[in-house]
Amino acid sequence: MSKPDANNPFAITANEIRGRKVERFIRFITLGMTWALILPVLFILGFLLIKAWPALSVGFIFDNPEKNMTAGGIWGPLIGTFMLIIVSLLIAAPIGILAGVYLNEFARDNWFTRFINLAVVNLAGVPSIVHGLFGLGAFVYFFQMQRSLLAASCTVAVMTLPVIITSTKEALASVPQPFRVACWNMGASKWQTIRTIVLPNSISGILTGVILQVARAAGETAPILFTGAMISSRIADSGWASMVPYGLEDRFMALSYHLYIISTQWQNVPESFKFGTAIVMIGLVIAVNSISIGFRIYLRSRKKW
């Protein structure tokens, strides 16, 4: 072990020099791993944008597919995807958040609670195609919803519940326990404490699960394939809003399913249409996520701790 210079006790020792070299090396490695994560994403987005550029226009967004999907745009699939996100969110968010509140704030640590937590973890690992078959049997046939926007939204909601429940539990657990104790000592009930102290201070974390739900709902194909999504070749001259669902009982078009069909089942579809659909789907997810993240950052900035 090297010793400091007697004439200059503040001189850098060999151990300190070695430590700085190790620190620079670790910083270089972590920076490299960060760029290794970012560069593929930028490459994919750039590649898709270049391929999609010939098709991108206002008409591509606001026109329905025409001429056996070889012309027109993606208005019907875009609106169908947006409605799928909204309806599935309205179903999954309240159930997931309330379930997370119960498991973290009310449930006792016993075998039943541990069984529920294990079930939530296992549900998160179920493949989406299995969720689709479950939705077909449960919502389409058993509850007689038929193939519709409602059946597809319920299926997607079930699939995204584990993420919302888990993020809610983690967000609630991050609130310091003294906050709860102080509120109880002032005479507040448990529910009053949760409603006025715990939930407002954990809402930014809860939004994380909601954001992930939105992204997954927009990109899933298998669940809606069995429960409500459709593709149609009869919309050449049927009007601007012909493929927009007007009710929960209607079938709908979706960007993910539309992209799957025109890429694998339909002939003579321009390549730019396929990549354009992918770019719009990614853009929709990024836009919704950006709004949610901005709102989450705003709420987090209002925290006093």
C-alpha atoms as a PDB file:
ATOM      1  CA  MET A   1       0.000   0.000   0.000  1.00  0.00           C
ATOM      2  CA  SER A   2       1.520   3.305  -1.051  1.00  0.00           C
ATOM      3  CA  LYS A   3       1.986   6.090   1.445  1.00  0.00           C
ATOM      4  CA  PRO A   4       1.533   9.824   0.891  1.00  0.00           C
ATOM      5  CA  ASP A   5       4.648  11.949   0.366  1.00  0.00           C
ATOM      6  CA  ALA A   6       5.916  13.309   3.679  1.00  0.00           C
ATOM      7  CA  ASN A   7       6.721  16.644   2.037  1.00  0.00           C
ATOM      8  CA  ASN A   8       3.286  16.878   0.421  1.00  0.00           C
ATOM      9  CA  PRO A   9       0.602  14.982   2.386  1.00  0.00           C
ATOM     10  CA  PHE A  10      -2.018  16.013  -0.176  1.00  0.00           C
ATOM     11  CA  ALA A  11      -0.231  14.369  -3.111  1.00  0.00           C
ATOM     12  CA  ILE A  12      -2.162  11.741  -5.062  1.00  0.00           C
ATOM     13  CA  THR A  13      -1.115   8.234  -4.131  1.00  0.00           C
ATOM     14  CA  ALA A  14      -0.748   5.272  -6.467  1.00  0.00           C
ATOM     15  CA  ASN A  15      -3.913   3.718  -5.038  1.00  0.00           C
ATOM     16  CA  GLU A  16      -5.881   6.867  -5.786  1.00  0.00           C
ATOM     17  CA  ILE A  17      -4.540   6.936  -9.346  1.00  0.00           C
ATOM     18  CA  ARG A  18      -5.499   3.283  -9.777  1.00  0.00           C
ATOM     19  CA  GLY A  19      -8.966   3.992  -8.357  1.00  0.00           C
ATOM     20  CA  ARG A  20      -9.493   6.859 -10.793  1.00  0.00           C
ATOM     21  CA  LYS A  21      -8.494   4.641 -13.714  1.00  0.00           C
ATOM     22  CA  VAL A  22     -10.987   2.004 -12.596  1.00  0.00           C
ATOM     23  CA  GLU A  23     -13.676   4.681 -12.249  1.00  0.00           C
ATOM     24  CA  ARG A  24     -12.991   5.999 -15.768  1.00  0.00           C
ATOM     25  CA  PHE A  25     -13.103   2.452 -17.116  1.00  0.00           C
ATOM     26  CA  ILE A  26     -16.452   1.761 -15.407  1.00  0.00           C
ATOM     27  CA  ARG A  27     -17.820   5.068 -16.679  1.00  0.00           C
ATOM     28  CA  PHE A  28     -16.702   4.174 -20.210  1.00  0.00           C
ATOM     29  CA  ILE A  29     -18.353   0.729 -19.985  1.00  0.00           C
ATOM     30  CA  THR A  30     -21.651   2.100 -18.654  1.00  0.00           C
ATOM     31  CA  LEU A  31     -21.679   4.849 -21.292  1.00  0.00           C
ATOM     32  CA  GLY A  32     -21.044   2.233 -23.972  1.00  0.00           C
ATOM     33  CA  MET A  33     -23.919   0.097 -22.714  1.00  0.00           C
ATOM     34  CA  THR A  34     -26.173   3.158 -22.768  1.00  0.00           C
ATOM     35  CA  TRP A  35     -25.317   3.865 -26.389  1.00  0.00           C
ATOM     36  CA  ALA A  36     -25.696   0.164 -27.177  1.00  0.00           C
ATOM     37  CA  LEU A  37     -29.284   0.551 -26.016  1.00  0.00           C
ATOM     38  CA  ILE A  38     -29.995   3.846 -27.778  1.00  0.00           C
ATOM     39  CA  LEU A  39     -28.348   3.271 -31.158  1.00  0.00           C
ATOM     40  CA  PRO A  40     -30.455   0.239 -32.203  1.00  0.00           C
ATOM     41  CA  VAL A  41     -33.623   2.186 -31.398  1.00  0.00           C
ATOM     42  CA  LEU A  42     -32.459   5.154 -33.470  1.00  0.00           C
ATOM     43  CA  PHE A  43     -31.428   2.828 -36.296  1.00  0.00           C
ATOM     44  CA  ILE A  44     -34.818   1.077 -36.299  1.00  0.00           C
ATOM     45  CA  LEU A  45     -36.729   4.369 -36.267  1.00  0.00           C
ATOM     46  CA  GLY A  46     -34.546   5.813 -39.019  1.00  0.00           C
ATOM     47  CA  PHE A  47     -34.880   2.694 -41.169  1.00  0.00           C
ATOM     48  CA  LEU A  48     -38.671   2.644 -40.770  1.00  0.00           C
ATOM     49  CA  LEU A  49     -38.947   6.360 -41.500  1.00  0.00           C
ATOM     50  CA  ILE A  50     -36.898   6.103 -44.707  1.00  0.00           C
ATOM     51  CA  LYS A  51     -38.941   3.149 -45.926  1.00  0.00           C
ATOM     52  CA  ALA A  52     -42.238   4.815 -44.993  1.00  0.00           C
ATOM     53  CA  TRP A  53     -41.460   8.284 -46.338  1.00  0.00           C
ATOM     54  CA  PRO A  54     -43.097   7.848 -49.797  1.00  0.00           C
ATOM     55  CA  ALA A  55     -46.433   6.977 -48.157  1.00  0.00           C
ATOM     56  CA  LEU A  56     -46.483   9.540 -45.352  1.00  0.00           C
ATOM     57  CA  SER A  57     -48.977  12.308 -46.027  1.00  0.00           C
ATOM     58  CA  VAL A  58     -52.121  13.859 -44.594  1.00  0.00           C
ATOM     59  CA  GLY A  59     -54.200  11.598 -46.810  1.00  0.00           C
ATOM     60  CA  PHE A  60     -52.425   8.532 -45.471  1.00  0.00           C
ATOM     61  CA  ILE A  61     -53.665   9.427 -41.985  1.00  0.00           C
ATOM     62  CA  PHE A  62     -57.203  10.570 -42.778  1.00  0.00           C
ATOM     63  CA  ASP A  63     -58.218   8.230 -45.614  1.00  0.00           C
ATOM     64  CA  ASN A  64     -59.561   4.710 -45.293  1.00  0.00           C
ATOM     65  CA  PRO A  65     -57.807   1.818 -47.073  1.00  0.00           C
ATOM     66  CA  GLU A  66     -58.886   1.468 -50.706  1.00  0.00           C
ATOM     67  CA  LYS A  67     -58.473  -0.925 -53.639  1.00  0.00           C
ATOM     68  CA  ASN A  68     -57.793  -4.055 -51.602  1.00  0.00           C
ATOM     69  CA  MET A  69     -55.469  -2.192 -49.230  1.00  0.00           C
ATOM     70  CA  THR A  70     -53.171  -1.036 -52.045  1.00  0.00           C
ATOM     71  CA  ALA A  71     -54.204   2.629 -51.784  1.00  0.00           C
ATOM     72  CA  GLY A  72     -55.769   5.098 -49.379  1.00  0.00           C
ATOM     73  CA  GLY A  73     -54.713   5.396 -45.767  1.00  0.00           C
ATOM     74  CA  ILE A  74     -55.151   4.074 -42.249  1.00  0.00           C
ATOM     75  CA  TRP A  75     -57.916   6.215 -40.746  1.00  0.00           C
ATOM     76  CA  GLY A  76     -60.110   3.280 -39.720  1.00  0.00           C
ATOM     77  CA  PRO A  77     -57.291   1.272 -38.071  1.00  0.00           C
ATOM     78  CA  LEU A  78     -55.957   4.392 -36.347  1.00  0.00           C
ATOM     79  CA  ILE A  79     -59.284   5.305 -34.745  1.00  0.00           C
ATOM     80  CA  GLY A  80     -59.933   1.668 -33.855  1.00  0.00           C
ATOM     81  CA  THR A  81     -56.575   1.460 -32.072  1.00  0.00           C
ATOM     82  CA  PHE A  82     -57.239   4.693 -30.201  1.00  0.00           C
ATOM     83  CA  MET A  83     -60.645   3.462 -29.047  1.00  0.00           C
ATOM     84  CA  LEU A  84     -59.153   0.111 -27.997  1.00  0.00           C
ATOM     85  CA  ILE A  85     -56.616   1.959 -25.840  1.00  0.00           C
ATOM     86  CA  ILE A  86     -59.247   4.183 -24.216  1.00  0.00           C
ATOM     87  CA  VAL A  87     -61.798   1.447 -23.464  1.00  0.00           C
ATOM     88  CA  SER A  88     -59.221  -1.050 -22.177  1.00  0.00           C
ATOM     89  CA  LEU A  89     -57.699   1.684 -20.016  1.00  0.00           C
ATOM     90  CA  LEU A  90     -61.095   2.576 -18.533  1.00  0.00           C
ATOM     91  CA  ILE A  91     -61.548  -1.093 -17.611  1.00  0.00           C
ATOM     92  CA  ALA A  92     -58.046  -1.996 -16.422  1.00  0.00           C
ATOM     93  CA  ALA A  93     -56.954   1.153 -14.582  1.00  0.00           C
ATOM     94  CA  PRO A  94     -59.669   1.260 -11.859  1.00  0.00           C
ATOM     95  CA  ILE A  95     -59.504  -2.498 -11.233  1.00  0.00           C
ATOM     96  CA  GLY A  96     -55.705  -2.608 -11.211  1.00  0.00           C
ATOM     97  CA  ILE A  97     -55.261   0.449  -8.995  1.00  0.00           C
ATOM     98  CA  LEU A  98     -57.887  -0.652  -6.457  1.00  0.00           C
ATOM     99  CA  ALA A  99     -56.432  -4.175  -6.378  1.00  0.00           C
ATOM    100  CA  GLY A 100     -52.974  -2.720  -5.760  1.00  0.00           C
ATOM    101  CA  VAL A 101     -54.343  -0.531  -2.957  1.00  0.00           C
ATOM    102  CA  TYR A 102     -55.963  -3.536  -1.292  1.00  0.00           C
ATOM    103  CA  LEU A 103     -52.880  -5.759  -1.551  1.00  0.00           C
ATOM    104  CA  ASN A 104     -50.533  -3.087  -0.193  1.00  0.00           C
ATOM    105  CA  GLU A 105     -52.693  -1.253   2.345  1.00  0.00           C
ATOM    106  CA  PHE A 106     -55.438  -3.587   3.574  1.00  0.00           C
ATOM    107  CA  ALA A 107     -54.478  -7.217   2.949  1.00  0.00           C
ATOM    108  CA  ARG A 108     -52.882  -9.180   5.766  1.00  0.00           C
ATOM    109  CA  ASP A 109     -49.690 -11.118   5.175  1.00  0.00           C
ATOM    110  CA  ASN A 110     -51.206 -14.599   5.007  1.00  0.00           C
ATOM    111  CA  TRP A 111     -51.382 -17.489   2.566  1.00  0.00           C
ATOM    112  CA  PHE A 112     -54.292 -15.974   0.653  1.00  0.00           C
ATOM    113  CA  THR A 113     -52.475 -12.695  -0.005  1.00  0.00           C
ATOM    114  CA  ARG A 114     -49.337 -14.558  -1.038  1.00  0.00           C
ATOM    115  CA  PHE A 115     -51.441 -16.699  -3.370  1.00  0.00           C
ATOM    116  CA  ILE A 116     -52.921 -13.578  -4.999  1.00  0.00           C
ATOM    117  CA  ASN A 117     -49.476 -12.030  -5.442  1.00  0.00           C
ATOM    118  CA  LEU A 118     -48.220 -15.261  -7.002  1.00  0.00           C
ATOM    119  CA  ALA A 119     -51.229 -15.326  -9.336  1.00  0.00           C
ATOM    120  CA  VAL A 120     -50.521 -11.740 -10.430  1.00  0.00           C
ATOM    121  CA  VAL A 121     -46.897 -12.615 -11.202  1.00  0.00           C
ATOM    122  CA  ASN A 122     -47.909 -15.723 -13.151  1.00  0.00           C
ATOM    123  CA  LEU A 123     -50.591 -13.828 -15.064  1.00  0.00           C
ATOM    124  CA  ALA A 124     -47.938 -11.388 -16.270  1.00  0.00           C
ATOM    125  CA  GLY A 125     -46.061 -14.276 -17.883  1.00  0.00           C
ATOM    126  CA  VAL A 126     -48.988 -15.733 -19.831  1.00  0.00           C
ATOM    127  CA  PRO A 127     -48.432 -15.407 -23.627  1.00  0.00           C
ATOM    128  CA  SER A 128     -50.698 -12.960 -25.422  1.00  0.00           C
ATOM    129  CA  ILE A 129     -52.075 -15.707 -27.684  1.00  0.00           C
ATOM    130  CA  VAL A 130     -53.378 -17.506 -24.573  1.00  0.00           C
ATOM    131  CA  HIS A 131     -55.041 -14.289 -23.439  1.00  0.00           C
ATOM    132  CA  GLY A 132     -56.670 -14.122 -26.851  1.00  0.00           C
ATOM    133  CA  LEU A 133     -58.070 -17.639 -26.531  1.00  0.00           C
ATOM    134  CA  PHE A 134     -59.286 -16.821 -23.016  1.00  0.00           C
ATOM    135  CA  GLY A 135     -61.029 -13.705 -24.320  1.00  0.00           C
ATOM    136  CA  LEU A 136     -62.632 -15.738 -27.095  1.00  0.00           C
ATOM    137  CA  GLY A 137     -64.033 -18.291 -24.667  1.00  0.00           C
ATOM    138  CA  ALA A 138     -64.907 -15.981 -21.783  1.00  0.00           C
ATOM    139  CA  PHE A 139     -66.031 -12.699 -23.310  1.00  0.00           C
ATOM    140  CA  VAL A 140     -67.101 -13.651 -26.838  1.00  0.00           C
ATOM    141  CA  TYR A 141     -68.909 -16.927 -26.080  1.00  0.00           C
ATOM    142  CA  PHE A 142     -69.635 -17.182 -22.333  1.00  0.00           C
ATOM    143  CA  PHE A 143     -70.649 -13.544 -21.763  1.00  0.00           C
ATOM    144  CA  GLN A 144     -72.017 -13.353 -25.322  1.00  0.00           C
ATOM    145  CA  MET A 145     -70.324 -10.072 -26.180  1.00  0.00           C
ATOM    146  CA  GLN A 146     -69.681 -11.409 -29.684  1.00  0.00           C
ATOM    147  CA  ARG A 147     -66.563 -10.259 -31.500  1.00  0.00           C
ATOM    148  CA  SER A 148     -66.581  -6.571 -30.682  1.00  0.00           C
ATOM    149  CA  LEU A 149     -64.628  -3.616 -29.367  1.00  0.00           C
ATOM    150  CA  LEU A 150     -65.852  -4.398 -25.846  1.00  0.00           C
ATOM    151  CA  ALA A 151     -64.703  -8.039 -25.944  1.00  0.00           C
ATOM    152  CA  ALA A 152     -61.287  -7.051 -27.305  1.00  0.00           C
ATOM    153  CA  SER A 153     -60.915  -4.273 -24.724  1.00  0.00           C
ATOM    154  CA  CYS A 154     -61.796  -6.631 -21.862  1.00  0.00           C
ATOM    155  CA  THR A 155     -59.222  -9.127 -23.121  1.00  0.00           C
ATOM    156  CA  VAL A 156     -56.489  -6.495 -23.367  1.00  0.00           C
ATOM    157  CA  ALA A 157     -57.477  -5.182 -19.922  1.00  0.00           C
ATOM    158  CA  VAL A 158     -57.039  -8.631 -18.362  1.00  0.00           C
ATOM    159  CA  MET A 159     -53.665  -8.947 -20.061  1.00  0.00           C
ATOM    160  CA  THR A 160     -52.408  -5.603 -18.703  1.00  0.00           C
ATOM    161  CA  LEU A 161     -53.795  -5.886 -15.168  1.00  0.00           C
ATOM    162  CA  PRO A 162     -50.615  -7.432 -13.657  1.00  0.00           C
ATOM    163  CA  VAL A 163     -48.492  -4.467 -14.753  1.00  0.00           C
ATOM    164  CA  ILE A 164     -50.889  -1.922 -13.261  1.00  0.00           C
ATOM    165  CA  ILE A 165     -51.309  -3.892 -10.021  1.00  0.00           C
ATOM    166  CA  THR A 166     -47.556  -4.345  -9.563  1.00  0.00           C
ATOM    167  CA  SER A 167     -46.678  -0.715 -10.308  1.00  0.00           C
ATOM    168  CA  THR A 168     -49.445   0.467  -7.962  1.00  0.00           C
ATOM    169  CA  LYS A 169     -48.145  -1.713  -5.124  1.00  0.00           C
ATOM    170  CA  GLU A 170     -44.588  -0.490  -5.618  1.00  0.00           C
ATOM    171  CA  ALA A 171     -45.695   3.148  -5.787  1.00  0.00           C
ATOM    172  CA  LEU A 172     -47.742   2.847  -2.595  1.00  0.00           C
ATOM    173  CA  ALA A 173     -44.893   1.063  -0.812  1.00  0.00           C
ATOM    174  CA  SER A 174     -42.538   3.944  -1.686  1.00  0.00           C
ATOM    175  CA  VAL A 175     -44.568   6.388   0.441  1.00  0.00           C
ATOM    176  CA  PRO A 176     -42.801   6.641   3.843  1.00  0.00           C
ATOM    177  CA  GLN A 177     -44.626   4.900   6.675  1.00  0.00           C
ATOM    178  CA  PRO A 178     -44.307   7.956   9.001  1.00  0.00           C
ATOM    179  CA  PHE A 179     -46.719   9.777   6.661  1.00  0.00           C
ATOM    180  CA  ARG A 180     -49.381   7.210   7.470  1.00  0.00           C
ATOM    181  CA  VAL A 181     -48.608   7.158  11.192  1.00  0.00           C
ATOM    182  CA  ALA A 182     -48.807  10.946  11.452  1.00  0.00           C
ATOM    183  CA  CYS A 183     -52.165  10.941   9.698  1.00  0.00           C
ATOM    184  CA  TRP A 184     -53.523   8.191  11.966  1.00  0.00           C
ATOM    185  CA  ASN A 185     -52.342  10.068  15.055  1.00  0.00           C
ATOM    186  CA  MET A 186     -54.422  13.037  13.928  1.00  0.00           C
ATOM    187  CA  GLY A 187     -57.534  10.859  13.987  1.00  0.00           C
ATOM    188  CA  ALA A 188     -57.848  10.032  10.284  1.00  0.00           C
ATOM    189  CA  SER A 189     -59.208   6.659   9.267  1.00  0.00           C
ATOM    190  CA  LYS A 190     -57.222   4.275   7.106  1.00  0.00           C
ATOM    191  CA  TRP A 191     -59.200   5.141   3.985  1.00  0.00           C
ATOM    192  CA  GLN A 192     -58.861   8.885   4.650  1.00  0.00           C
ATOM    193  CA  THR A 193     -55.107   8.396   4.976  1.00  0.00           C
ATOM    194  CA  ILE A 194     -54.941   6.491   1.707  1.00  0.00           C
ATOM    195  CA  ARG A 195     -57.145   8.964  -0.139  1.00  0.00           C
ATOM    196  CA  THR A 196     -55.509  12.177   1.068  1.00  0.00           C
ATOM    197  CA  ILE A 197     -51.893  11.185   1.746  1.00  0.00           C
ATOM    198  CA  VAL A 198     -50.840   7.899   0.175  1.00  0.00           C
ATOM    199  CA  LEU A 199     -52.465   8.073  -3.265  1.00  0.00           C
ATOM    200  CA  PRO A 200     -51.531  11.719  -4.031  1.00  0.00           C
ATOM    201  CA  ASN A 201     -47.894  10.969  -3.148  1.00  0.00           C
ATOM    202  CA  SER A 202     -47.762   7.788  -5.231  1.00  0.00           C
ATOM    203  CA  ILE A 203     -49.708   8.852  -8.322  1.00  0.00           C
ATOM    204  CA  SER A 204     -46.552   9.388 -10.408  1.00  0.00           C
ATOM    205  CA  GLY A 205     -45.499   5.780  -9.848  1.00  0.00           C
ATOM    206  CA  ILE A 206     -48.989   4.483 -10.555  1.00  0.00           C
ATOM    207  CA  LEU A 207     -48.920   6.273 -13.900  1.00  0.00           C
ATOM    208  CA  THR A 208     -45.923   4.126 -14.869  1.00  0.00           C
ATOM    209  CA  GLY A 209     -48.138   1.053 -15.009  1.00  0.00           C
ATOM    210  CA  VAL A 210     -50.790   2.943 -16.926  1.00  0.00           C
ATOM    211  CA  ILE A 211     -48.208   4.091 -19.489  1.00  0.00           C
ATOM    212  CA  LEU A 212     -47.032   0.522 -20.017  1.00  0.00           C
ATOM    213  CA  GLN A 213     -50.663  -0.558 -20.418  1.00  0.00           C
ATOM    214  CA  VAL A 214     -51.194   1.995 -23.174  1.00  0.00           C
ATOM    215  CA  ALA A 215     -48.111   0.846 -25.080  1.00  0.00           C
ATOM    216  CA  ARG A 216     -49.072  -2.814 -24.847  1.00  0.00           C
ATOM    217  CA  ALA A 217     -52.699  -2.217 -25.798  1.00  0.00           C
ATOM    218  CA  ALA A 218     -51.627  -0.370 -28.938  1.00  0.00           C
ATOM    219  CA  GLY A 219     -49.182  -3.035 -30.077  1.00  0.00           C
ATOM    220  CA  GLU A 220     -50.889  -6.356 -29.346  1.00  0.00           C
ATOM    221  CA  THR A 221     -52.257  -8.413 -32.225  1.00  0.00           C
ATOM    222  CA  ALA A 222     -53.084 -11.899 -30.919  1.00  0.00           C
ATOM    223  CA  PRO A 223     -55.725 -10.918 -28.306  1.00  0.00           C
ATOM    224  CA  ILE A 224     -57.725  -8.734 -30.682  1.00  0.00           C
ATOM    225  CA  LEU A 225     -57.329 -11.243 -33.522  1.00  0.00           C
ATOM    226  CA  PHE A 226     -59.704 -13.616 -31.701  1.00  0.00           C
ATOM    227  CA  THR A 227     -62.014 -11.093 -30.076  1.00  0.00           C
ATOM    228  CA  GLY A 228     -62.925  -8.234 -32.369  1.00  0.00           C
ATOM    229  CA  ALA A 229     -60.417  -6.976 -34.919  1.00  0.00           C
ATOM    230  CA  MET A 230     -61.333  -7.221 -38.566  1.00  0.00           C
ATOM    231  CA  ILE A 231     -60.012  -6.416 -42.000  1.00  0.00           C
ATOM    232  CA  SER A 232     -62.246  -5.469 -44.892  1.00  0.00           C
ATOM    233  CA  SER A 233     -61.824  -5.147 -48.643  1.00  0.00           C
ATOM    234  CA  ARG A 234     -65.195  -3.503 -49.229  1.00  0.00           C
ATOM    235  CA  ILE A 235     -64.270   0.032 -48.254  1.00  0.00           C
ATOM    236  CA  ALA A 236     -63.115   1.455 -51.564  1.00  0.00           C
ATOM    237  CA  ASP A 237     -65.927   4.007 -51.855  1.00  0.00           C
ATOM    238  CA  SER A 238     -67.762   3.652 -48.565  1.00  0.00           C
ATOM    239  CA  GLY A 239     -66.910   7.000 -47.035  1.00  0.00           C
ATOM    240  CA  TRP A 240     -64.487   8.711 -44.682  1.00  0.00           C
ATOM    241  CA  ALA A 241     -65.849   7.179 -41.455  1.00  0.00           C
ATOM    242  CA  SER A 242     -67.054   3.813 -42.760  1.00  0.00           C
ATOM    243  CA  MET A 243     -64.678   1.671 -40.690  1.00  0.00           C
ATOM    244  CA  VAL A 244     -64.859   3.670 -37.454  1.00  0.00           C
ATOM    245  CA  PRO A 245     -66.667   1.758 -34.648  1.00  0.00           C
ATOM    246  CA  TYR A 246     -69.639   3.724 -33.330  1.00  0.00           C
ATOM    247  CA  GLY A 247     -70.378   1.496 -30.344  1.00  0.00           C
ATOM    248  CA  LEU A 248     -68.805  -1.035 -28.029  1.00  0.00           C
ATOM    249  CA  GLU A 249     -70.659  -3.842 -29.797  1.00  0.00           C
ATOM    250  CA  ASP A 250     -69.097  -3.024 -33.196  1.00  0.00           C
ATOM    251  CA  ARG A 251     -66.089  -4.769 -34.671  1.00  0.00           C
ATOM    252  CA  PHE A 252     -63.131  -2.539 -35.437  1.00  0.00           C
ATOM    253  CA  MET A 253     -59.912  -2.207 -37.370  1.00  0.00           C
ATOM    254  CA  ALA A 254     -56.591  -1.858 -35.511  1.00  0.00           C
ATOM    255  CA  LEU A 255     -53.146  -0.774 -36.638  1.00  0.00           C
ATOM    256  CA  SER A 256     -51.355  -3.879 -35.362  1.00  0.00           C
ATOM    257  CA  TYR A 257     -53.797  -6.285 -37.011  1.00  0.00           C
ATOM    258  CA  HIS A 258     -53.923  -4.158 -40.170  1.00  0.00           C
ATOM    259  CA  LEU A 259     -50.124  -4.281 -40.396  1.00  0.00           C
ATOM    260  CA  TYR A 260     -50.119  -8.046 -39.877  1.00  0.00           C
ATOM    261  CA  ILE A 261     -52.682  -8.602 -42.641  1.00  0.00           C
ATOM    262  CA  ILE A 262     -51.146  -6.332 -45.278  1.00  0.00           C
ATOM    263  CA  SER A 263     -47.703  -7.815 -44.563  1.00  0.00           C
ATOM    264  CA  THR A 264     -48.662 -11.502 -44.692  1.00  0.00           C
ATOM    265  CA  GLN A 265     -52.070 -12.005 -46.323  1.00  0.00           C
ATOM    266  CA  TRP A 266     -52.610  -9.247 -48.888  1.00  0.00           C
ATOM    267  CA  GLN A 267     -50.916  -9.055 -52.264  1.00  0.00           C
ATOM    268  CA  ASN A 268     -49.526  -6.036 -54.130  1.00  0.00           C
ATOM    269  CA  VAL A 269     -49.533  -3.724 -51.097  1.00  0.00           C
ATOM    270  CA  PRO A 270     -46.812  -1.071 -51.541  1.00  0.00           C
ATOM    271  CA  GLU A 271     -43.916  -1.539 -49.156  1.00  0.00           C
ATOM    272  CA  SER A 272     -44.155   2.083 -48.060  1.00  0.00           C
ATOM    273  CA  PHE A 273     -47.734   1.446 -46.836  1.00  0.00           C
ATOM    274  CA  LYS A 274     -46.506  -1.301 -44.526  1.00  0.00           C
ATOM    275  CA  PHE A 275     -43.693   0.767 -43.076  1.00  0.00           C
ATOM    276  CA  GLY A 276     -45.953   3.822 -42.901  1.00  0.00           C
ATOM    277  CA  THR A 277     -48.423   1.878 -40.777  1.00  0.00           C
ATOM    278  CA  ALA A 278     -45.599   0.817 -38.466  1.00  0.00           C
ATOM    279  CA  ILE A 279     -44.342   4.391 -38.121  1.00  0.00           C
ATOM    280  CA  VAL A 280     -47.808   5.726 -37.289  1.00  0.00           C
ATOM    281  CA  MET A 281     -48.326   2.983 -34.701  1.00  0.00           C
ATOM    282  CA  ILE A 282     -44.997   3.802 -33.067  1.00  0.00           C
ATOM    283  CA  GLY A 283     -45.793   7.510 -33.234  1.00  0.00           C
ATOM    284  CA  LEU A 284     -49.150   6.955 -31.534  1.00  0.00           C
ATOM    285  CA  VAL A 285     -47.496   5.068 -28.677  1.00  0.00           C
ATOM    286  CA  ILE A 286     -44.747   7.691 -28.330  1.00  0.00           C
ATOM    287  CA  ALA A 287     -47.278  10.545 -28.322  1.00  0.00           C
ATOM    288  CA  VAL A 288     -49.490   8.977 -25.661  1.00  0.00           C
ATOM    289  CA  ASN A 289     -46.481   7.967 -23.572  1.00  0.00           C
ATOM    290  CA  SER A 290     -44.954  11.446 -23.844  1.00  0.00           C
ATOM    291  CA  ILE A 291     -48.132  13.069 -22.569  1.00  0.00           C
ATOM    292  CA  SER A 292     -48.345  10.593 -19.697  1.00  0.00           C
ATOM    293  CA  ILE A 293     -44.662  10.962 -18.809  1.00  0.00           C
ATOM    294  CA  GLY A 294     -44.942  14.750 -18.874  1.00  0.00           C
ATOM    295  CA  PHE A 295     -47.913  14.594 -16.526  1.00  0.00           C
ATOM    296  CA  ARG A 296     -46.027  12.176 -14.268  1.00  0.00           C
ATOM    297  CA  ILE A 297     -43.002  14.494 -14.113  1.00  0.00           C
ATOM    298  CA  TYR A 298     -45.272  17.411 -13.241  1.00  0.00           C
ATOM    299  CA  LEU A 299     -46.879  15.454 -10.401  1.00  0.00           C
ATOM    300  CA  ARG A 300     -43.491  14.289  -9.136  1.00  0.00           C
ATOM    301  CA  SER A 301     -42.206  17.874  -9.089  1.00  0.00           C
ATOM    302  CA  ARG A 302     -45.027  18.813  -6.728  1.00  0.00           C
ATOM    303  CA  LYS A 303     -43.855  16.355  -4.086  1.00  0.00           C
ATOM    304  CA  LYS A 304     -42.600  17.927  -0.889  1.00  0.00           C
ATOM    305  CA  TRP A 305     -40.257  15.071  -0.007  1.00  0.00           C
END
